[in-house]
Amino acid sequence: DGDVSALRAMLMEHVHDKAFDVQIAACRALGALGDSPSVMEAFRPHFFDPNWKVRQGVVQGMAGLFSRGVITAEVVQAALEEMLITSNGFSPFFPLKADIRDLGEALRAQQEGTL
């Protein structure tokens, strides 16, 4: 447990690293390893980060904390209401294509299970 605690402390520092990709990785990792709602205080300075990918990393970290029961829905909602949500990243989503892909994966999974 001492190693995990040391890792958490290191990640909390790396959330504020000069390199944005390190910040993103630290936020995501804290979503998986964070054990206290206080992690949100490390995320908060990035709510208006000029780099939308850092804000995305914060959201992904919050999602991990929420899914593991570390933070409540109310904490997530309050944070999302504070956060700048605009970005220049755009990925089109095609629902029909996604449904066809999902159905194909289900068919493959069933075929692999019966072979």
C-alpha atoms as a PDB file:
ATOM      1  CA  ASP A   1       0.000   0.000   0.000  1.00  0.00           C
ATOM      2  CA  GLY A   2       2.995   2.292   0.569  1.00  0.00           C
ATOM      3  CA  ASP A   3       3.973   1.946  -3.087  1.00  0.00           C
ATOM      4  CA  VAL A   4       0.457   2.861  -4.222  1.00  0.00           C
ATOM      5  CA  SER A   5       0.409   5.863  -1.886  1.00  0.00           C
ATOM      6  CA  ALA A   6       3.744   7.031  -3.299  1.00  0.00           C
ATOM      7  CA  LEU A   7       2.414   6.585  -6.826  1.00  0.00           C
ATOM      8  CA  ARG A   8      -0.704   8.621  -5.994  1.00  0.00           C
ATOM      9  CA  ALA A   9       1.449  11.414  -4.558  1.00  0.00           C
ATOM     10  CA  MET A  10       3.619  11.424  -7.673  1.00  0.00           C
ATOM     11  CA  LEU A  11       0.549  11.560  -9.913  1.00  0.00           C
ATOM     12  CA  MET A  12      -0.849  14.484  -7.923  1.00  0.00           C
ATOM     13  CA  GLU A  13       2.370  16.381  -8.699  1.00  0.00           C
ATOM     14  CA  HIS A  14       2.340  15.388 -12.374  1.00  0.00           C
ATOM     15  CA  VAL A  15      -1.171  16.793 -12.828  1.00  0.00           C
ATOM     16  CA  HIS A  16       0.630  20.156 -12.858  1.00  0.00           C
ATOM     17  CA  ASP A  17       3.603  19.110 -15.012  1.00  0.00           C
ATOM     18  CA  LYS A  18       4.776  21.546 -17.705  1.00  0.00           C
ATOM     19  CA  ALA A  19       4.058  19.004 -20.445  1.00  0.00           C
ATOM     20  CA  PHE A  20       0.371  18.758 -21.288  1.00  0.00           C
ATOM     21  CA  ASP A  21       0.593  15.074 -22.229  1.00  0.00           C
ATOM     22  CA  VAL A  22       1.989  14.287 -18.764  1.00  0.00           C
ATOM     23  CA  GLN A  23      -0.875  16.249 -17.211  1.00  0.00           C
ATOM     24  CA  ILE A  24      -3.395  14.248 -19.229  1.00  0.00           C
ATOM     25  CA  ALA A  25      -1.838  10.898 -18.301  1.00  0.00           C
ATOM     26  CA  ALA A  26      -1.722  11.872 -14.616  1.00  0.00           C
ATOM     27  CA  CYS A  27      -5.393  12.888 -14.615  1.00  0.00           C
ATOM     28  CA  ARG A  28      -6.425   9.615 -16.239  1.00  0.00           C
ATOM     29  CA  ALA A  29      -4.268   7.578 -13.864  1.00  0.00           C
ATOM     30  CA  LEU A  30      -5.708   9.380 -10.843  1.00  0.00           C
ATOM     31  CA  GLY A  31      -9.138   8.408 -12.119  1.00  0.00           C
ATOM     32  CA  ALA A  32      -8.036   4.795 -11.811  1.00  0.00           C
ATOM     33  CA  LEU A  33      -5.983   5.072  -8.614  1.00  0.00           C
ATOM     34  CA  GLY A  34      -7.266   8.101  -6.695  1.00  0.00           C
ATOM     35  CA  ASP A  35      -8.792   7.191  -3.357  1.00  0.00           C
ATOM     36  CA  SER A  36     -10.056  10.537  -2.089  1.00  0.00           C
ATOM     37  CA  PRO A  37     -12.348  13.310  -3.310  1.00  0.00           C
ATOM     38  CA  SER A  38      -9.398  15.655  -2.668  1.00  0.00           C
ATOM     39  CA  VAL A  39      -8.123  14.636  -6.126  1.00  0.00           C
ATOM     40  CA  MET A  40     -10.696  17.103  -7.449  1.00  0.00           C
ATOM     41  CA  GLU A  41      -8.651  19.950  -5.974  1.00  0.00           C
ATOM     42  CA  ALA A  42      -5.739  18.888  -8.181  1.00  0.00           C
ATOM     43  CA  PHE A  43      -8.067  18.819 -11.199  1.00  0.00           C
ATOM     44  CA  ARG A  44      -9.733  22.187 -10.499  1.00  0.00           C
ATOM     45  CA  PRO A  45      -6.928  24.450 -11.872  1.00  0.00           C
ATOM     46  CA  HIS A  46      -7.392  22.740 -15.236  1.00  0.00           C
ATOM     47  CA  PHE A  47     -11.123  23.473 -15.558  1.00  0.00           C
ATOM     48  CA  PHE A  48     -10.217  26.403 -17.846  1.00  0.00           C
ATOM     49  CA  ASP A  49      -7.000  25.022 -19.288  1.00  0.00           C
ATOM     50  CA  PRO A  50      -6.439  26.490 -22.771  1.00  0.00           C
ATOM     51  CA  ASN A  51      -5.693  22.991 -24.063  1.00  0.00           C
ATOM     52  CA  TRP A  52      -8.989  21.113 -24.439  1.00  0.00           C
ATOM     53  CA  LYS A  53      -7.161  17.781 -24.306  1.00  0.00           C
ATOM     54  CA  VAL A  54      -6.085  18.521 -20.725  1.00  0.00           C
ATOM     55  CA  ARG A  55      -9.715  19.276 -19.833  1.00  0.00           C
ATOM     56  CA  GLN A  56     -10.687  15.996 -21.498  1.00  0.00           C
ATOM     57  CA  GLY A  57      -8.124  14.204 -19.330  1.00  0.00           C
ATOM     58  CA  VAL A  58      -9.712  15.825 -16.267  1.00  0.00           C
ATOM     59  CA  VAL A  59     -13.160  14.639 -17.373  1.00  0.00           C
ATOM     60  CA  GLN A  60     -11.820  11.127 -17.933  1.00  0.00           C
ATOM     61  CA  GLY A  61     -10.201  11.201 -14.505  1.00  0.00           C
ATOM     62  CA  MET A  62     -13.461  12.351 -12.926  1.00  0.00           C
ATOM     63  CA  ALA A  63     -15.317   9.576 -14.738  1.00  0.00           C
ATOM     64  CA  GLY A  64     -12.940   7.029 -13.245  1.00  0.00           C
ATOM     65  CA  LEU A  65     -13.321   8.464  -9.749  1.00  0.00           C
ATOM     66  CA  PHE A  66     -17.106   8.522 -10.126  1.00  0.00           C
ATOM     67  CA  SER A  67     -17.370   4.977 -11.485  1.00  0.00           C
ATOM     68  CA  ARG A  68     -15.325   3.718  -8.528  1.00  0.00           C
ATOM     69  CA  GLY A  69     -17.461   5.615  -5.998  1.00  0.00           C
ATOM     70  CA  VAL A  70     -14.683   7.993  -4.909  1.00  0.00           C
ATOM     71  CA  ILE A  71     -16.716  11.079  -5.842  1.00  0.00           C
ATOM     72  CA  THR A  72     -20.468  11.587  -5.925  1.00  0.00           C
ATOM     73  CA  ALA A  73     -22.742  12.569  -8.779  1.00  0.00           C
ATOM     74  CA  GLU A  74     -23.170  15.961  -7.125  1.00  0.00           C
ATOM     75  CA  VAL A  75     -19.411  16.570  -7.167  1.00  0.00           C
ATOM     76  CA  VAL A  76     -19.222  15.621 -10.836  1.00  0.00           C
ATOM     77  CA  GLN A  77     -22.198  17.787 -11.761  1.00  0.00           C
ATOM     78  CA  ALA A  78     -20.792  20.813  -9.913  1.00  0.00           C
ATOM     79  CA  ALA A  79     -17.412  20.384 -11.600  1.00  0.00           C
ATOM     80  CA  LEU A  80     -18.955  20.077 -15.054  1.00  0.00           C
ATOM     81  CA  GLU A  81     -20.971  23.243 -14.472  1.00  0.00           C
ATOM     82  CA  GLU A  82     -17.726  25.111 -13.669  1.00  0.00           C
ATOM     83  CA  MET A  83     -15.635  23.674 -16.516  1.00  0.00           C
ATOM     84  CA  LEU A  84     -15.043  25.262 -19.902  1.00  0.00           C
ATOM     85  CA  ILE A  85     -16.524  22.747 -22.328  1.00  0.00           C
ATOM     86  CA  THR A  86     -15.615  24.244 -25.690  1.00  0.00           C
ATOM     87  CA  SER A  87     -12.945  22.620 -27.833  1.00  0.00           C
ATOM     88  CA  ASN A  88     -11.654  22.587 -31.367  1.00  0.00           C
ATOM     89  CA  GLY A  89     -11.617  18.793 -31.385  1.00  0.00           C
ATOM     90  CA  PHE A  90     -14.452  17.337 -33.441  1.00  0.00           C
ATOM     91  CA  SER A  91     -15.226  13.694 -34.123  1.00  0.00           C
ATOM     92  CA  PRO A  92     -18.366  12.899 -36.084  1.00  0.00           C
ATOM     93  CA  PHE A  93     -20.480  10.078 -34.706  1.00  0.00           C
ATOM     94  CA  PHE A  94     -22.551   7.902 -37.009  1.00  0.00           C
ATOM     95  CA  PRO A  95     -25.180   5.997 -34.996  1.00  0.00           C
ATOM     96  CA  LEU A  96     -26.115   3.541 -37.767  1.00  0.00           C
ATOM     97  CA  LYS A  97     -22.483   2.634 -38.383  1.00  0.00           C
ATOM     98  CA  ALA A  98     -21.920   2.205 -34.638  1.00  0.00           C
ATOM     99  CA  ASP A  99     -24.971  -0.054 -34.315  1.00  0.00           C
ATOM    100  CA  ILE A 100     -23.848  -2.166 -37.285  1.00  0.00           C
ATOM    101  CA  ARG A 101     -20.351  -2.450 -35.781  1.00  0.00           C
ATOM    102  CA  ASP A 102     -21.787  -3.449 -32.386  1.00  0.00           C
ATOM    103  CA  LEU A 103     -24.041  -6.053 -33.989  1.00  0.00           C
ATOM    104  CA  GLY A 104     -21.120  -7.446 -35.984  1.00  0.00           C
ATOM    105  CA  GLU A 105     -19.037  -7.711 -32.809  1.00  0.00           C
ATOM    106  CA  ALA A 106     -21.881  -9.524 -31.054  1.00  0.00           C
ATOM    107  CA  LEU A 107     -22.153 -11.956 -33.982  1.00  0.00           C
ATOM    108  CA  ARG A 108     -18.402 -12.602 -33.951  1.00  0.00           C
ATOM    109  CA  ALA A 109     -18.425 -13.124 -30.186  1.00  0.00           C
ATOM    110  CA  GLN A 110     -21.228 -15.679 -30.498  1.00  0.00           C
ATOM    111  CA  GLN A 111     -19.512 -17.475 -33.377  1.00  0.00           C
ATOM    112  CA  GLU A 112     -16.246 -17.651 -31.446  1.00  0.00           C
ATOM    113  CA  GLY A 113     -18.106 -19.017 -28.446  1.00  0.00           C
ATOM    114  CA  THR A 114     -19.661 -21.847 -30.470  1.00  0.00           C
ATOM    115  CA  LEU A 115     -16.526 -22.909 -32.318  1.00  0.00           C
END
